[in-house]
Amino acid sequence: MGRKILSGLKKDWQLWAMILPALAYIIIFCYVPMYGIQLAFRKYDFSKGLTGGDWVGFKYFIQYFESPMFWTTLRNTFVISFFTLVCGFPAPILLALVVNSLRQKKLRRVVQTAVYMPYFISTVVMVAILQILLSPSTGVVSNLLKSLHIIPQSINLLGTPSAFVPVYVLSGIWQSAGWNSIIFIAALASVDGQLYDAAKVDGANRWQQVIHVELPAIVPTIVILLIMNMGRVLSVGFEKVFLMQNDLNLSVSEVISTYVFNIGVQSGQFSFGSAVGLFNTVINFAFLMIANMVSKKAADISLM
């Protein structure tokens, strides 16, 4: 066994050398920090260090479950994640189908460049743009919606709790749909042209070609990415939520990640914050395994 492994490493050493930086990154920044998980089960003491505190078991987990913020943060995180997944996951698929249907190469390149560009805008700049566009007094988008009587004249989109989730989800789709469509466009590019010819001979129109040729070709890619997204179902991005958060929308914008920051870093309750963060990770892992199991039984497609 050991000789086979060494033989494989020697034979494909160029490939292993290529993935070595990625492996080093994962080991250093993903696996090594797992040593600090024990902080969630210890009472942290500055004088004794990370592992010198008294062992308290599940004390901080129980404290979080019994706190009034448990259901609030869990509900807010799930609602934002649910609508991000339901609305945001199909968007790059539809965009990839639209881009693939463009026959003029120049037009396709222009469209691809236009939809990719928002992804390279930093989160801080993105939220600043939202604050400018959705300002209740001078915002172009908010004033347009008010003039069309879509929203009330007195509403503040960034300060109204009911508007927080739609603004978060729609801005996320605008920013990331183009970039996320790359993998679907690549999958569509690998579709055999003879399948299109056969569909045309059978009298299939463009819509029928999408249904019977293109979608079946990218189903494995869709399923794999859906499983991976299920593993992040409660990992709502901290930066964007934190920057969009204010006193007016706090009731719907306080998610697990921002709560961990507020209670763990700002309040100095490191053990409690670690316990909440670990709980979030365990739930995400459970969703990932369930989604992978269902996919394997239903479509014989899985990550492992």
C-alpha atoms as a PDB file:
ATOM      1  CA  MET A   1       0.000   0.000   0.000  1.00  0.00           C
ATOM      2  CA  GLY A   2       2.755   2.410   0.964  1.00  0.00           C
ATOM      3  CA  ARG A   3       4.686   1.612  -2.211  1.00  0.00           C
ATOM      4  CA  LYS A   4       1.619   2.286  -4.362  1.00  0.00           C
ATOM      5  CA  ILE A   5       1.149   5.682  -2.719  1.00  0.00           C
ATOM      6  CA  LEU A   6       4.803   6.603  -3.190  1.00  0.00           C
ATOM      7  CA  SER A   7       4.664   5.389  -6.782  1.00  0.00           C
ATOM      8  CA  GLY A   8       1.589   7.521  -7.437  1.00  0.00           C
ATOM      9  CA  LEU A   9       3.219  10.572  -5.865  1.00  0.00           C
ATOM     10  CA  LYS A  10       6.347  10.066  -7.944  1.00  0.00           C
ATOM     11  CA  LYS A  11       4.389   9.567 -11.147  1.00  0.00           C
ATOM     12  CA  ASP A  12       2.097  12.587 -10.745  1.00  0.00           C
ATOM     13  CA  TRP A  13       4.362  14.850  -8.705  1.00  0.00           C
ATOM     14  CA  GLN A  14       3.576  17.823 -10.951  1.00  0.00           C
ATOM     15  CA  LEU A  15      -0.126  17.590 -10.116  1.00  0.00           C
ATOM     16  CA  TRP A  16       0.579  17.254  -6.398  1.00  0.00           C
ATOM     17  CA  ALA A  17       2.913  20.266  -6.586  1.00  0.00           C
ATOM     18  CA  MET A  18       0.095  22.299  -8.148  1.00  0.00           C
ATOM     19  CA  ILE A  19      -2.359  21.561  -5.332  1.00  0.00           C
ATOM     20  CA  LEU A  20       0.264  21.874  -2.574  1.00  0.00           C
ATOM     21  CA  PRO A  21      -0.461  25.603  -1.913  1.00  0.00           C
ATOM     22  CA  ALA A  22      -4.186  24.852  -1.644  1.00  0.00           C
ATOM     23  CA  LEU A  23      -3.524  21.971   0.741  1.00  0.00           C
ATOM     24  CA  ALA A  24      -1.212  24.144   2.836  1.00  0.00           C
ATOM     25  CA  TYR A  25      -3.879  26.872   2.997  1.00  0.00           C
ATOM     26  CA  ILE A  26      -6.585  24.414   4.108  1.00  0.00           C
ATOM     27  CA  ILE A  27      -4.350  22.815   6.739  1.00  0.00           C
ATOM     28  CA  ILE A  28      -3.084  26.107   8.183  1.00  0.00           C
ATOM     29  CA  PHE A  29      -6.301  28.116   8.157  1.00  0.00           C
ATOM     30  CA  CYS A  30      -8.986  25.408   8.448  1.00  0.00           C
ATOM     31  CA  TYR A  31      -7.605  22.451  10.395  1.00  0.00           C
ATOM     32  CA  VAL A  32      -5.012  24.017  12.704  1.00  0.00           C
ATOM     33  CA  PRO A  33      -7.546  26.506  14.186  1.00  0.00           C
ATOM     34  CA  MET A  34      -9.781  23.558  15.104  1.00  0.00           C
ATOM     35  CA  TYR A  35      -7.472  23.132  18.095  1.00  0.00           C
ATOM     36  CA  GLY A  36      -9.251  26.134  19.579  1.00  0.00           C
ATOM     37  CA  ILE A  37     -12.650  24.410  19.500  1.00  0.00           C
ATOM     38  CA  GLN A  38     -12.037  23.330  23.076  1.00  0.00           C
ATOM     39  CA  LEU A  39     -12.503  26.961  24.089  1.00  0.00           C
ATOM     40  CA  ALA A  40     -16.259  26.387  23.715  1.00  0.00           C
ATOM     41  CA  PHE A  41     -16.035  23.843  26.545  1.00  0.00           C
ATOM     42  CA  ARG A  42     -13.743  25.802  28.854  1.00  0.00           C
ATOM     43  CA  LYS A  43     -14.076  28.940  30.935  1.00  0.00           C
ATOM     44  CA  TYR A  44     -11.548  31.207  29.288  1.00  0.00           C
ATOM     45  CA  ASP A  45      -8.933  32.752  31.563  1.00  0.00           C
ATOM     46  CA  PHE A  46      -6.479  35.316  30.196  1.00  0.00           C
ATOM     47  CA  SER A  47      -3.817  34.318  32.699  1.00  0.00           C
ATOM     48  CA  LYS A  48      -4.038  30.593  31.886  1.00  0.00           C
ATOM     49  CA  GLY A  49      -4.216  30.795  28.107  1.00  0.00           C
ATOM     50  CA  LEU A  50      -6.358  28.938  25.626  1.00  0.00           C
ATOM     51  CA  THR A  51      -6.277  25.524  27.275  1.00  0.00           C
ATOM     52  CA  GLY A  52      -5.782  26.514  30.894  1.00  0.00           C
ATOM     53  CA  GLY A  53      -9.353  27.381  31.789  1.00  0.00           C
ATOM     54  CA  ASP A  54     -11.630  25.149  33.816  1.00  0.00           C
ATOM     55  CA  TRP A  55     -13.585  22.537  31.875  1.00  0.00           C
ATOM     56  CA  VAL A  56     -17.298  23.410  31.970  1.00  0.00           C
ATOM     57  CA  GLY A  57     -18.696  20.997  29.363  1.00  0.00           C
ATOM     58  CA  PHE A  58     -21.845  22.177  27.595  1.00  0.00           C
ATOM     59  CA  LYS A  59     -22.472  25.125  29.923  1.00  0.00           C
ATOM     60  CA  TYR A  60     -22.181  27.786  27.206  1.00  0.00           C
ATOM     61  CA  PHE A  61     -24.273  25.814  24.734  1.00  0.00           C
ATOM     62  CA  ILE A  62     -27.059  25.536  27.297  1.00  0.00           C
ATOM     63  CA  GLN A  63     -26.653  29.232  28.081  1.00  0.00           C
ATOM     64  CA  TYR A  64     -27.168  30.060  24.405  1.00  0.00           C
ATOM     65  CA  PHE A  65     -30.158  27.724  24.044  1.00  0.00           C
ATOM     66  CA  GLU A  66     -31.830  29.330  27.057  1.00  0.00           C
ATOM     67  CA  SER A  67     -31.037  32.916  26.071  1.00  0.00           C
ATOM     68  CA  PRO A  68     -33.763  35.066  24.450  1.00  0.00           C
ATOM     69  CA  MET A  69     -31.471  35.614  21.450  1.00  0.00           C
ATOM     70  CA  PHE A  70     -31.381  31.934  20.483  1.00  0.00           C
ATOM     71  CA  TRP A  71     -34.606  31.790  18.488  1.00  0.00           C
ATOM     72  CA  THR A  72     -34.148  35.349  17.224  1.00  0.00           C
ATOM     73  CA  THR A  73     -30.697  34.740  15.747  1.00  0.00           C
ATOM     74  CA  LEU A  74     -31.637  31.272  14.487  1.00  0.00           C
ATOM     75  CA  ARG A  75     -34.802  32.567  12.803  1.00  0.00           C
ATOM     76  CA  ASN A  76     -33.074  35.556  11.218  1.00  0.00           C
ATOM     77  CA  THR A  77     -30.183  33.442   9.958  1.00  0.00           C
ATOM     78  CA  PHE A  78     -32.472  30.786   8.523  1.00  0.00           C
ATOM     79  CA  VAL A  79     -34.793  33.304   6.823  1.00  0.00           C
ATOM     80  CA  ILE A  80     -31.931  35.139   5.125  1.00  0.00           C
ATOM     81  CA  SER A  81     -30.226  31.878   4.117  1.00  0.00           C
ATOM     82  CA  PHE A  82     -33.472  30.369   2.847  1.00  0.00           C
ATOM     83  CA  PHE A  83     -34.365  33.254   0.553  1.00  0.00           C
ATOM     84  CA  THR A  84     -30.748  33.623  -0.563  1.00  0.00           C
ATOM     85  CA  LEU A  85     -30.734  29.957  -1.575  1.00  0.00           C
ATOM     86  CA  VAL A  86     -34.218  29.884  -3.138  1.00  0.00           C
ATOM     87  CA  CYS A  87     -33.801  33.138  -5.074  1.00  0.00           C
ATOM     88  CA  GLY A  88     -30.040  33.271  -5.513  1.00  0.00           C
ATOM     89  CA  PHE A  89     -29.230  29.702  -6.532  1.00  0.00           C
ATOM     90  CA  PRO A  90     -31.371  29.561  -9.726  1.00  0.00           C
ATOM     91  CA  ALA A  91     -30.212  33.017 -10.875  1.00  0.00           C
ATOM     92  CA  PRO A  92     -26.759  31.988 -12.210  1.00  0.00           C
ATOM     93  CA  ILE A  93     -28.319  28.943 -13.895  1.00  0.00           C
ATOM     94  CA  LEU A  94     -30.815  31.104 -15.772  1.00  0.00           C
ATOM     95  CA  LEU A  95     -28.101  33.621 -16.580  1.00  0.00           C
ATOM     96  CA  ALA A  96     -25.842  30.886 -17.964  1.00  0.00           C
ATOM     97  CA  LEU A  97     -28.674  29.625 -20.184  1.00  0.00           C
ATOM     98  CA  VAL A  98     -29.286  33.148 -21.477  1.00  0.00           C
ATOM     99  CA  VAL A  99     -25.601  33.784 -22.179  1.00  0.00           C
ATOM    100  CA  ASN A 100     -25.269  30.407 -23.895  1.00  0.00           C
ATOM    101  CA  SER A 101     -28.191  31.251 -26.181  1.00  0.00           C
ATOM    102  CA  LEU A 102     -26.424  34.353 -27.530  1.00  0.00           C
ATOM    103  CA  ARG A 103     -24.966  33.492 -30.914  1.00  0.00           C
ATOM    104  CA  GLN A 104     -22.960  36.667 -31.532  1.00  0.00           C
ATOM    105  CA  LYS A 105     -19.575  36.279 -29.848  1.00  0.00           C
ATOM    106  CA  LYS A 106     -19.045  40.011 -29.326  1.00  0.00           C
ATOM    107  CA  LEU A 107     -22.441  40.421 -27.681  1.00  0.00           C
ATOM    108  CA  ARG A 108     -21.773  37.389 -25.490  1.00  0.00           C
ATOM    109  CA  ARG A 109     -18.440  38.813 -24.324  1.00  0.00           C
ATOM    110  CA  VAL A 110     -20.023  42.181 -23.538  1.00  0.00           C
ATOM    111  CA  VAL A 111     -22.811  40.543 -21.527  1.00  0.00           C
ATOM    112  CA  GLN A 112     -20.405  38.281 -19.659  1.00  0.00           C
ATOM    113  CA  THR A 113     -18.121  41.188 -18.765  1.00  0.00           C
ATOM    114  CA  ALA A 114     -21.067  43.289 -17.607  1.00  0.00           C
ATOM    115  CA  VAL A 115     -22.469  40.590 -15.308  1.00  0.00           C
ATOM    116  CA  TYR A 116     -19.034  39.594 -13.935  1.00  0.00           C
ATOM    117  CA  MET A 117     -17.976  43.108 -12.906  1.00  0.00           C
ATOM    118  CA  PRO A 118     -20.190  43.525  -9.789  1.00  0.00           C
ATOM    119  CA  TYR A 119     -18.494  40.524  -8.180  1.00  0.00           C
ATOM    120  CA  PHE A 120     -15.228  42.444  -7.905  1.00  0.00           C
ATOM    121  CA  ILE A 121     -16.839  45.232  -5.883  1.00  0.00           C
ATOM    122  CA  SER A 122     -15.849  44.900  -2.239  1.00  0.00           C
ATOM    123  CA  THR A 123     -18.547  44.368   0.368  1.00  0.00           C
ATOM    124  CA  VAL A 124     -17.858  47.750   1.973  1.00  0.00           C
ATOM    125  CA  VAL A 125     -18.248  49.542  -1.351  1.00  0.00           C
ATOM    126  CA  MET A 126     -21.352  47.490  -2.157  1.00  0.00           C
ATOM    127  CA  VAL A 127     -23.091  48.541   1.058  1.00  0.00           C
ATOM    128  CA  ALA A 128     -22.037  52.151   0.477  1.00  0.00           C
ATOM    129  CA  ILE A 129     -23.639  51.988  -2.988  1.00  0.00           C
ATOM    130  CA  LEU A 130     -26.816  50.573  -1.444  1.00  0.00           C
ATOM    131  CA  GLN A 131     -26.906  53.414   1.093  1.00  0.00           C
ATOM    132  CA  ILE A 132     -26.605  55.962  -1.712  1.00  0.00           C
ATOM    133  CA  LEU A 133     -29.145  54.352  -4.045  1.00  0.00           C
ATOM    134  CA  LEU A 134     -31.671  53.567  -1.308  1.00  0.00           C
ATOM    135  CA  SER A 135     -31.398  56.793   0.656  1.00  0.00           C
ATOM    136  CA  PRO A 136     -34.943  57.896   1.622  1.00  0.00           C
ATOM    137  CA  SER A 137     -34.271  61.476   0.517  1.00  0.00           C
ATOM    138  CA  THR A 138     -31.741  61.399  -2.359  1.00  0.00           C
ATOM    139  CA  GLY A 139     -31.628  57.728  -3.390  1.00  0.00           C
ATOM    140  CA  VAL A 140     -32.264  57.177  -7.106  1.00  0.00           C
ATOM    141  CA  VAL A 141     -33.757  53.705  -6.685  1.00  0.00           C
ATOM    142  CA  SER A 142     -35.893  54.570  -3.658  1.00  0.00           C
ATOM    143  CA  ASN A 143     -37.265  57.721  -5.324  1.00  0.00           C
ATOM    144  CA  LEU A 144     -38.025  55.748  -8.504  1.00  0.00           C
ATOM    145  CA  LEU A 145     -39.939  53.116  -6.530  1.00  0.00           C
ATOM    146  CA  LYS A 146     -41.824  55.848  -4.691  1.00  0.00           C
ATOM    147  CA  SER A 147     -42.737  57.644  -7.916  1.00  0.00           C
ATOM    148  CA  LEU A 148     -44.111  54.370  -9.296  1.00  0.00           C
ATOM    149  CA  HIS A 149     -46.083  53.912  -6.038  1.00  0.00           C
ATOM    150  CA  ILE A 150     -44.387  50.555  -5.417  1.00  0.00           C
ATOM    151  CA  ILE A 151     -43.324  51.589  -1.904  1.00  0.00           C
ATOM    152  CA  PRO A 152     -44.788  54.226   0.460  1.00  0.00           C
ATOM    153  CA  GLN A 153     -43.348  57.738   0.391  1.00  0.00           C
ATOM    154  CA  SER A 154     -42.237  57.617   4.017  1.00  0.00           C
ATOM    155  CA  ILE A 155     -40.417  54.278   3.916  1.00  0.00           C
ATOM    156  CA  ASN A 156     -36.690  53.891   4.544  1.00  0.00           C
ATOM    157  CA  LEU A 157     -35.592  50.707   2.772  1.00  0.00           C
ATOM    158  CA  LEU A 158     -32.439  50.337   4.862  1.00  0.00           C
ATOM    159  CA  GLY A 159     -34.234  51.021   8.110  1.00  0.00           C
ATOM    160  CA  THR A 160     -37.444  49.044   7.612  1.00  0.00           C
ATOM    161  CA  PRO A 161     -37.264  45.494   9.009  1.00  0.00           C
ATOM    162  CA  SER A 162     -39.547  44.052   6.309  1.00  0.00           C
ATOM    163  CA  ALA A 163     -37.296  45.441   3.550  1.00  0.00           C
ATOM    164  CA  PHE A 164     -33.983  44.167   4.925  1.00  0.00           C
ATOM    165  CA  VAL A 165     -34.170  40.621   3.550  1.00  0.00           C
ATOM    166  CA  PRO A 166     -35.317  41.628   0.009  1.00  0.00           C
ATOM    167  CA  VAL A 167     -32.573  44.267  -0.219  1.00  0.00           C
ATOM    168  CA  TYR A 168     -29.959  41.804   1.036  1.00  0.00           C
ATOM    169  CA  VAL A 169     -31.022  39.008  -1.317  1.00  0.00           C
ATOM    170  CA  LEU A 170     -31.516  41.109  -4.461  1.00  0.00           C
ATOM    171  CA  SER A 171     -28.235  42.971  -4.036  1.00  0.00           C
ATOM    172  CA  GLY A 172     -26.493  39.629  -3.487  1.00  0.00           C
ATOM    173  CA  ILE A 173     -27.968  38.230  -6.697  1.00  0.00           C
ATOM    174  CA  TRP A 174     -26.861  41.308  -8.636  1.00  0.00           C
ATOM    175  CA  GLN A 175     -23.350  41.056  -7.266  1.00  0.00           C
ATOM    176  CA  SER A 176     -22.674  37.317  -7.493  1.00  0.00           C
ATOM    177  CA  ALA A 177     -24.976  35.812 -10.151  1.00  0.00           C
ATOM    178  CA  GLY A 178     -22.599  36.633 -13.002  1.00  0.00           C
ATOM    179  CA  TRP A 179     -19.572  35.137 -11.307  1.00  0.00           C
ATOM    180  CA  ASN A 180     -21.437  32.031 -10.138  1.00  0.00           C
ATOM    181  CA  SER A 181     -22.699  31.434 -13.682  1.00  0.00           C
ATOM    182  CA  ILE A 182     -19.155  30.756 -14.941  1.00  0.00           C
ATOM    183  CA  ILE A 183     -19.194  27.108 -13.903  1.00  0.00           C
ATOM    184  CA  PHE A 184     -22.596  26.553 -15.572  1.00  0.00           C
ATOM    185  CA  ILE A 185     -21.413  28.269 -18.754  1.00  0.00           C
ATOM    186  CA  ALA A 186     -18.392  25.976 -18.755  1.00  0.00           C
ATOM    187  CA  ALA A 187     -20.651  22.944 -18.313  1.00  0.00           C
ATOM    188  CA  LEU A 188     -22.861  24.086 -21.202  1.00  0.00           C
ATOM    189  CA  ALA A 189     -19.797  24.578 -23.409  1.00  0.00           C
ATOM    190  CA  SER A 190     -19.035  20.860 -23.068  1.00  0.00           C
ATOM    191  CA  VAL A 191     -22.411  19.784 -24.478  1.00  0.00           C
ATOM    192  CA  ASP A 192     -21.966  17.791 -27.678  1.00  0.00           C
ATOM    193  CA  GLY A 193     -23.102  19.801 -30.695  1.00  0.00           C
ATOM    194  CA  GLN A 194     -24.610  16.660 -32.223  1.00  0.00           C
ATOM    195  CA  LEU A 195     -27.277  16.737 -29.520  1.00  0.00           C
ATOM    196  CA  TYR A 196     -28.429  20.148 -30.751  1.00  0.00           C
ATOM    197  CA  ASP A 197     -28.455  18.908 -34.332  1.00  0.00           C
ATOM    198  CA  ALA A 198     -30.487  15.854 -33.362  1.00  0.00           C
ATOM    199  CA  ALA A 199     -32.962  18.033 -31.451  1.00  0.00           C
ATOM    200  CA  LYS A 200     -33.368  20.353 -34.438  1.00  0.00           C
ATOM    201  CA  VAL A 201     -33.979  17.386 -36.742  1.00  0.00           C
ATOM    202  CA  ASP A 202     -36.717  16.254 -34.366  1.00  0.00           C
ATOM    203  CA  GLY A 203     -38.290  19.709 -34.643  1.00  0.00           C
ATOM    204  CA  ALA A 204     -37.305  21.037 -31.216  1.00  0.00           C
ATOM    205  CA  ASN A 205     -37.439  24.814 -30.830  1.00  0.00           C
ATOM    206  CA  ARG A 206     -34.986  26.821 -28.733  1.00  0.00           C
ATOM    207  CA  TRP A 207     -36.982  26.405 -25.531  1.00  0.00           C
ATOM    208  CA  GLN A 208     -37.264  22.645 -26.039  1.00  0.00           C
ATOM    209  CA  GLN A 209     -33.506  22.450 -26.626  1.00  0.00           C
ATOM    210  CA  VAL A 210     -32.961  24.120 -23.269  1.00  0.00           C
ATOM    211  CA  ILE A 211     -35.312  21.695 -21.521  1.00  0.00           C
ATOM    212  CA  HIS A 212     -34.189  18.465 -23.167  1.00  0.00           C
ATOM    213  CA  VAL A 213     -30.525  19.118 -24.014  1.00  0.00           C
ATOM    214  CA  GLU A 214     -28.947  21.833 -21.898  1.00  0.00           C
ATOM    215  CA  LEU A 215     -30.608  21.333 -18.506  1.00  0.00           C
ATOM    216  CA  PRO A 216     -29.941  17.540 -18.383  1.00  0.00           C
ATOM    217  CA  ALA A 217     -26.301  18.254 -19.261  1.00  0.00           C
ATOM    218  CA  ILE A 218     -25.783  20.533 -16.260  1.00  0.00           C
ATOM    219  CA  VAL A 219     -27.923  18.636 -13.719  1.00  0.00           C
ATOM    220  CA  PRO A 220     -24.873  16.959 -12.072  1.00  0.00           C
ATOM    221  CA  THR A 221     -23.218  20.371 -11.684  1.00  0.00           C
ATOM    222  CA  ILE A 222     -26.408  21.847 -10.247  1.00  0.00           C
ATOM    223  CA  VAL A 223     -26.774  19.018  -7.719  1.00  0.00           C
ATOM    224  CA  ILE A 224     -23.149  19.202  -6.544  1.00  0.00           C
ATOM    225  CA  LEU A 225     -23.311  22.982  -6.068  1.00  0.00           C
ATOM    226  CA  LEU A 226     -26.658  22.684  -4.295  1.00  0.00           C
ATOM    227  CA  ILE A 227     -25.178  20.193  -1.839  1.00  0.00           C
ATOM    228  CA  MET A 228     -22.242  22.524  -1.191  1.00  0.00           C
ATOM    229  CA  ASN A 229     -24.607  25.444  -0.652  1.00  0.00           C
ATOM    230  CA  MET A 230     -26.603  23.397   1.847  1.00  0.00           C
ATOM    231  CA  GLY A 231     -23.399  23.123   3.872  1.00  0.00           C
ATOM    232  CA  ARG A 232     -23.463  26.903   4.256  1.00  0.00           C
ATOM    233  CA  VAL A 233     -27.179  27.275   4.886  1.00  0.00           C
ATOM    234  CA  LEU A 234     -26.661  29.030   8.244  1.00  0.00           C
ATOM    235  CA  SER A 235     -23.393  30.759   7.331  1.00  0.00           C
ATOM    236  CA  VAL A 236     -24.811  34.137   6.409  1.00  0.00           C
ATOM    237  CA  GLY A 237     -21.998  36.457   5.364  1.00  0.00           C
ATOM    238  CA  PHE A 238     -20.897  38.493   8.363  1.00  0.00           C
ATOM    239  CA  GLU A 239     -19.502  41.553   6.579  1.00  0.00           C
ATOM    240  CA  LYS A 240     -22.538  42.518   4.530  1.00  0.00           C
ATOM    241  CA  VAL A 241     -25.077  41.896   7.296  1.00  0.00           C
ATOM    242  CA  PHE A 242     -22.942  43.758   9.822  1.00  0.00           C
ATOM    243  CA  LEU A 243     -22.503  46.766   7.526  1.00  0.00           C
ATOM    244  CA  MET A 244     -26.217  46.893   6.644  1.00  0.00           C
ATOM    245  CA  GLN A 245     -27.223  46.503  10.276  1.00  0.00           C
ATOM    246  CA  ASN A 246     -28.611  49.469  12.232  1.00  0.00           C
ATOM    247  CA  ASP A 247     -30.850  50.097  15.224  1.00  0.00           C
ATOM    248  CA  LEU A 248     -33.973  50.198  13.038  1.00  0.00           C
ATOM    249  CA  ASN A 249     -33.559  46.775  11.400  1.00  0.00           C
ATOM    250  CA  LEU A 250     -31.756  44.991  14.258  1.00  0.00           C
ATOM    251  CA  SER A 251     -34.755  42.772  14.957  1.00  0.00           C
ATOM    252  CA  VAL A 252     -34.291  40.993  11.597  1.00  0.00           C
ATOM    253  CA  SER A 253     -30.578  41.565  10.926  1.00  0.00           C
ATOM    254  CA  GLU A 254     -29.060  40.081  14.079  1.00  0.00           C
ATOM    255  CA  VAL A 255     -27.833  36.730  12.758  1.00  0.00           C
ATOM    256  CA  ILE A 256     -25.598  34.121  14.376  1.00  0.00           C
ATOM    257  CA  SER A 257     -22.370  35.495  12.870  1.00  0.00           C
ATOM    258  CA  THR A 258     -23.005  39.067  14.038  1.00  0.00           C
ATOM    259  CA  TYR A 259     -24.164  37.800  17.432  1.00  0.00           C
ATOM    260  CA  VAL A 260     -20.911  35.844  17.818  1.00  0.00           C
ATOM    261  CA  PHE A 261     -18.958  39.017  17.046  1.00  0.00           C
ATOM    262  CA  ASN A 262     -20.981  41.187  19.408  1.00  0.00           C
ATOM    263  CA  ILE A 263     -21.026  38.759  22.313  1.00  0.00           C
ATOM    264  CA  GLY A 264     -17.664  37.102  21.783  1.00  0.00           C
ATOM    265  CA  VAL A 265     -15.380  39.921  20.643  1.00  0.00           C
ATOM    266  CA  GLN A 266     -16.985  43.170  21.724  1.00  0.00           C
ATOM    267  CA  SER A 267     -18.260  41.834  25.061  1.00  0.00           C
ATOM    268  CA  GLY A 268     -15.193  39.667  25.721  1.00  0.00           C
ATOM    269  CA  GLN A 269     -17.188  36.449  26.264  1.00  0.00           C
ATOM    270  CA  PHE A 270     -14.845  34.331  24.161  1.00  0.00           C
ATOM    271  CA  SER A 271     -16.001  30.941  25.401  1.00  0.00           C
ATOM    272  CA  PHE A 272     -19.659  31.764  24.884  1.00  0.00           C
ATOM    273  CA  GLY A 273     -18.970  33.141  21.414  1.00  0.00           C
ATOM    274  CA  SER A 274     -16.973  30.021  20.523  1.00  0.00           C
ATOM    275  CA  ALA A 275     -19.845  27.806  21.633  1.00  0.00           C
ATOM    276  CA  VAL A 276     -22.341  29.696  19.468  1.00  0.00           C
ATOM    277  CA  GLY A 277     -20.000  29.545  16.487  1.00  0.00           C
ATOM    278  CA  LEU A 278     -19.421  25.806  16.975  1.00  0.00           C
ATOM    279  CA  PHE A 279     -23.167  25.209  17.172  1.00  0.00           C
ATOM    280  CA  ASN A 280     -23.557  27.009  13.846  1.00  0.00           C
ATOM    281  CA  THR A 281     -20.843  24.858  12.260  1.00  0.00           C
ATOM    282  CA  VAL A 282     -22.381  21.612  13.510  1.00  0.00           C
ATOM    283  CA  ILE A 283     -25.789  22.541  12.083  1.00  0.00           C
ATOM    284  CA  ASN A 284     -24.219  23.383   8.716  1.00  0.00           C
ATOM    285  CA  PHE A 285     -22.400  20.046   8.691  1.00  0.00           C
ATOM    286  CA  ALA A 286     -25.653  18.239   9.461  1.00  0.00           C
ATOM    287  CA  PHE A 287     -27.415  19.986   6.561  1.00  0.00           C
ATOM    288  CA  LEU A 288     -24.512  19.083   4.270  1.00  0.00           C
ATOM    289  CA  MET A 289     -24.610  15.390   5.183  1.00  0.00           C
ATOM    290  CA  ILE A 290     -28.409  15.199   4.869  1.00  0.00           C
ATOM    291  CA  ALA A 291     -28.366  16.912   1.461  1.00  0.00           C
ATOM    292  CA  ASN A 292     -25.567  14.619   0.289  1.00  0.00           C
ATOM    293  CA  MET A 293     -27.451  11.521   1.479  1.00  0.00           C
ATOM    294  CA  VAL A 294     -30.715  12.572  -0.186  1.00  0.00           C
ATOM    295  CA  SER A 295     -28.915  13.403  -3.432  1.00  0.00           C
ATOM    296  CA  LYS A 296     -27.102  10.081  -3.455  1.00  0.00           C
ATOM    297  CA  LYS A 297     -30.328   8.118  -3.020  1.00  0.00           C
ATOM    298  CA  ALA A 298     -32.435  10.239  -5.375  1.00  0.00           C
ATOM    299  CA  ALA A 299     -30.020  10.971  -8.218  1.00  0.00           C
ATOM    300  CA  ASP A 300     -26.936   8.854  -7.431  1.00  0.00           C
ATOM    301  CA  ILE A 301     -24.872  12.065  -7.224  1.00  0.00           C
ATOM    302  CA  SER A 302     -22.886  12.911  -4.118  1.00  0.00           C
ATOM    303  CA  LEU A 303     -19.734  14.554  -2.850  1.00  0.00           C
ATOM    304  CA  MET A 304     -18.444  11.415  -1.164  1.00  0.00           C
END
